[in-house]
Structure formats: structure tokens, C-alpha cells
């Protein structure tokens, strides 16, 4: 989310003659603080490259996460196309009210290095277990499909 605050006018003083912050500076700083508070916090990023198999359930954070809403964004790109065809499906797993829940994206079947795919998942985590990612991989022919995977977890609120 980009910041929406107007930039501070460099022609305006930030302190008055008594060395106190000016009203325009206080308004600008308050607006900037509101923007920062509204922006999602990047919690963690996981990256895998040269992968030629499924990835089992992998926690995104080793420490406990706070209860709340999270956005998980997954980006994948074929780095080596399979001889015939390939498929990759990401899955995100989390707990909500003590229940283990999972969401899977639609399959990436392009088998072309120039057509990456991304998925976004909104999850509510009760903080009882880590948010995890995994993939289901299929490749036909030699060479096998190799891929890069990036997963970003952002805390939206707590």
C-alpha cells in the first residue's frame, strides 16, 4: 500500500522562532504516522529456487504469530521448462479457532519461463500453529520442470 501523505513542503519551516514544531510539520508528521500504521507489516519471506519436486508443509515463521488477519502472497516462475508439460499448485495451511484449514491456488500449467504466476490468500490465524506453505508438483518428460517460489507473509492486523 503506497503512502498517501503529501510530501513536506521544503519551503516551510519545521520549527518556529521558539524552536517548537510548526503546525504544518505536526500535521505532516501525523499524516505520515497514520500511513505507516495503516501499511501491512512484512513478517517474513521464504524463497526456494531450482526446485524440482513438491515442497512439504513448511512453516513461514518459527516464532508464534499473533492472532489476526494475514495476507500470504505466493509467486512462482518456471526456471526450466519440462520437455512435455508441468503443473504446480501452492497450498497455504493455518489454524482458525483450533481448526486446521488449508487453501490451494489454481494450477500453474504454463510450463514457460516467461509466464510467472502469483496467488494471494487471506487467512485468519488463531496463533495456535504456524502458517505454512507447500506445493504439489508434476512434470512430464526430461528435462523436468524446475521452478522458483517466493512466499511473503504480511500481518494485516492483530
Protein backbone atom coordinates (compact mmCIF):
# COMPACT_ATOMS: atom_id res chain seq x y z
CA UNK A 1 0.00 0.00 0.00
CA UNK A 2 1.67 3.28 -1.04
CA UNK A 3 1.83 6.21 1.28
CA UNK A 4 -0.79 8.84 0.54
CA UNK A 5 0.62 11.67 2.64
CA UNK A 6 1.60 14.79 0.78
CA UNK A 7 5.35 15.43 0.93
CA UNK A 8 6.59 18.02 3.37
CA UNK A 9 6.97 21.38 1.64
CA UNK A 10 10.71 22.14 1.80
CA UNK A 11 9.98 25.91 1.81
CA UNK A 12 8.07 25.74 5.06
CA UNK A 13 9.83 25.92 8.38
CA UNK A 14 9.59 22.87 10.59
CA UNK A 15 10.22 24.84 13.80
CA UNK A 16 9.11 28.32 14.79
CA UNK A 17 11.18 31.11 16.32
CA UNK A 18 10.88 29.45 19.75
CA UNK A 19 12.17 26.15 18.29
CA UNK A 20 8.82 24.41 18.58
CA UNK A 21 7.41 22.31 15.71
CA UNK A 22 5.21 24.29 13.36
CA UNK A 23 1.58 23.34 12.78
CA UNK A 24 2.31 22.27 9.19
CA UNK A 25 5.12 19.99 10.36
CA UNK A 26 2.93 18.40 13.05
CA UNK A 27 0.13 17.79 10.52
CA UNK A 28 2.59 16.27 8.04
CA UNK A 29 4.18 14.01 10.69
CA UNK A 30 0.76 12.89 11.95
CA UNK A 31 -0.32 12.04 8.40
CA UNK A 32 2.89 10.05 7.83
CA UNK A 33 2.41 8.12 11.07
CA UNK A 34 -1.16 7.25 10.04
CA UNK A 35 0.13 5.96 6.68
CA UNK A 36 2.78 3.81 8.33
CA UNK A 37 0.27 2.42 10.83
CA UNK A 38 -2.14 1.53 8.01
CA UNK A 39 0.51 -0.25 5.93
CA UNK A 40 0.76 -4.02 6.29
CA UNK A 41 3.78 -5.27 8.19
CA UNK A 42 6.01 -7.63 6.26
CA UNK A 43 6.51 -10.51 8.61
CA UNK A 44 8.60 -12.99 6.65
CA UNK A 45 9.69 -14.04 3.19
CA UNK A 46 10.64 -17.53 2.05
CA UNK A 47 12.39 -18.27 -1.24
CA UNK A 48 13.21 -21.51 -3.00
CA UNK A 49 14.95 -21.75 -6.35
CA UNK A 50 15.84 -24.65 -8.61
CA UNK A 51 13.11 -26.79 -7.03
CA UNK A 52 12.23 -29.97 -8.98
CA UNK A 53 9.79 -31.61 -6.59
CA UNK A 54 6.81 -30.91 -4.34
CA UNK A 55 7.51 -28.99 -1.15
CA UNK A 56 6.08 -30.47 2.05
CA UNK A 57 4.41 -28.31 4.70
CA UNK A 58 6.94 -25.62 5.62
CA UNK A 59 6.22 -23.08 8.39
CA UNK A 60 6.68 -19.45 7.40
CA UNK A 61 7.70 -18.38 10.90
CA UNK A 62 9.47 -20.25 13.65
CA UNK A 63 8.13 -17.98 16.40
CA UNK A 64 4.45 -17.87 17.31
CA UNK A 65 2.39 -15.40 15.33
CA UNK A 66 -0.18 -13.11 16.88
CA UNK A 67 -3.83 -13.95 16.36
CA UNK A 68 -5.23 -11.96 13.47
CA UNK A 69 -5.52 -11.47 9.73
CA UNK A 70 -2.67 -12.23 7.36
CA UNK A 71 -2.09 -11.97 3.63
CA UNK A 72 0.06 -14.66 2.05
CA UNK A 73 1.31 -13.95 -1.46
CA UNK A 74 2.91 -16.72 -3.48
CA UNK A 75 4.91 -16.08 -6.66
CA UNK A 76 6.17 -18.90 -8.86
CA UNK A 77 8.12 -18.97 -12.09
CA UNK A 78 9.31 -21.87 -14.21
CA UNK A 79 13.11 -21.67 -14.44
CA UNK A 80 13.50 -24.78 -16.62
CA UNK A 81 10.58 -25.92 -18.77
CA UNK A 82 9.66 -29.59 -18.73
CA UNK A 83 10.05 -31.47 -22.01
CA UNK A 84 6.30 -32.10 -22.27
CA UNK A 85 4.19 -30.48 -19.53
CA UNK A 86 4.17 -29.43 -15.89
CA UNK A 87 1.90 -28.30 -13.08
CA UNK A 88 2.44 -26.50 -9.79
CA UNK A 89 -0.21 -25.88 -7.10
CA UNK A 90 0.54 -23.88 -3.93
CA UNK A 91 -1.26 -24.59 -0.65
CA UNK A 92 -1.39 -22.43 2.49
CA UNK A 93 -2.26 -24.04 5.84
CA UNK A 94 -3.23 -22.25 9.06
CA UNK A 95 -5.39 -22.70 12.16
CA UNK A 96 -8.63 -20.82 12.73
CA UNK A 97 -10.42 -21.37 16.07
CA UNK A 98 -8.40 -24.54 16.62
CA UNK A 99 -9.32 -25.99 13.22
CA UNK A 100 -6.57 -26.73 10.69
CA UNK A 101 -7.55 -25.02 7.43
CA UNK A 102 -5.91 -25.05 4.02
CA UNK A 103 -6.35 -23.13 0.79
CA UNK A 104 -4.91 -24.12 -2.58
CA UNK A 105 -4.38 -22.00 -5.64
CA UNK A 106 -5.28 -23.00 -9.17
CA UNK A 107 -2.60 -24.92 -11.05
CA UNK A 108 0.17 -23.14 -12.91
CA UNK A 109 0.39 -25.16 -16.12
CA UNK A 110 2.12 -22.71 -18.47
CA UNK A 111 5.45 -24.64 -18.50
CA UNK A 112 7.04 -21.44 -19.87
CA UNK A 113 9.72 -19.38 -18.10
CA UNK A 114 8.24 -16.07 -19.28
CA UNK A 115 4.80 -16.61 -17.69
CA UNK A 116 5.11 -16.44 -13.89
CA UNK A 117 2.01 -16.79 -11.73
CA UNK A 118 1.03 -15.34 -8.37
CA UNK A 119 -1.66 -16.15 -5.86
CA UNK A 120 -2.91 -14.22 -2.83
CA UNK A 121 -4.53 -15.86 0.18
CA UNK A 122 -6.33 -14.09 3.03
CA UNK A 123 -6.10 -16.11 6.24
CA UNK A 124 -7.23 -15.67 9.81
CA UNK A 125 -4.82 -17.34 12.19
CA UNK A 126 -5.62 -18.06 15.82
CA UNK A 127 -1.87 -18.15 16.53
CA UNK A 128 -2.03 -21.76 17.76
CA UNK A 129 0.12 -23.09 14.91
CA UNK A 130 2.38 -21.56 12.28
CA UNK A 131 1.10 -20.53 8.88
CA UNK A 132 2.70 -22.96 6.41
CA UNK A 133 3.10 -23.33 2.68
CA UNK A 134 3.51 -26.37 0.45
CA UNK A 135 3.37 -27.19 -3.24
CA UNK A 136 2.11 -30.05 -5.37
CA UNK A 137 4.39 -30.60 -8.35
CA UNK A 138 4.09 -32.63 -11.53
CA UNK A 139 6.39 -32.75 -14.53
CA UNK A 140 6.39 -34.91 -17.65
CA UNK A 141 9.50 -35.58 -19.72
CA UNK A 142 13.20 -34.89 -19.43
CA UNK A 143 14.25 -32.31 -18.54
CA UNK A 144 11.94 -31.99 -15.57
CA UNK A 145 10.38 -28.63 -14.79
CA UNK A 146 12.35 -26.58 -12.28
CA UNK A 147 10.80 -23.61 -10.52
CA UNK A 148 11.38 -20.67 -8.25
CA UNK A 149 8.95 -20.00 -5.42
CA UNK A 150 8.67 -16.90 -3.24
CA UNK A 151 6.22 -16.64 -0.36
CA UNK A 152 5.55 -13.40 1.51
CA UNK A 153 3.55 -13.26 4.73
CA UNK A 154 2.13 -9.89 5.80
CA UNK A 155 0.31 -9.20 9.04
CA UNK A 156 -2.75 -7.08 8.30
CA UNK A 157 -3.90 -6.62 11.91
CA UNK A 158 -3.60 -8.36 15.24
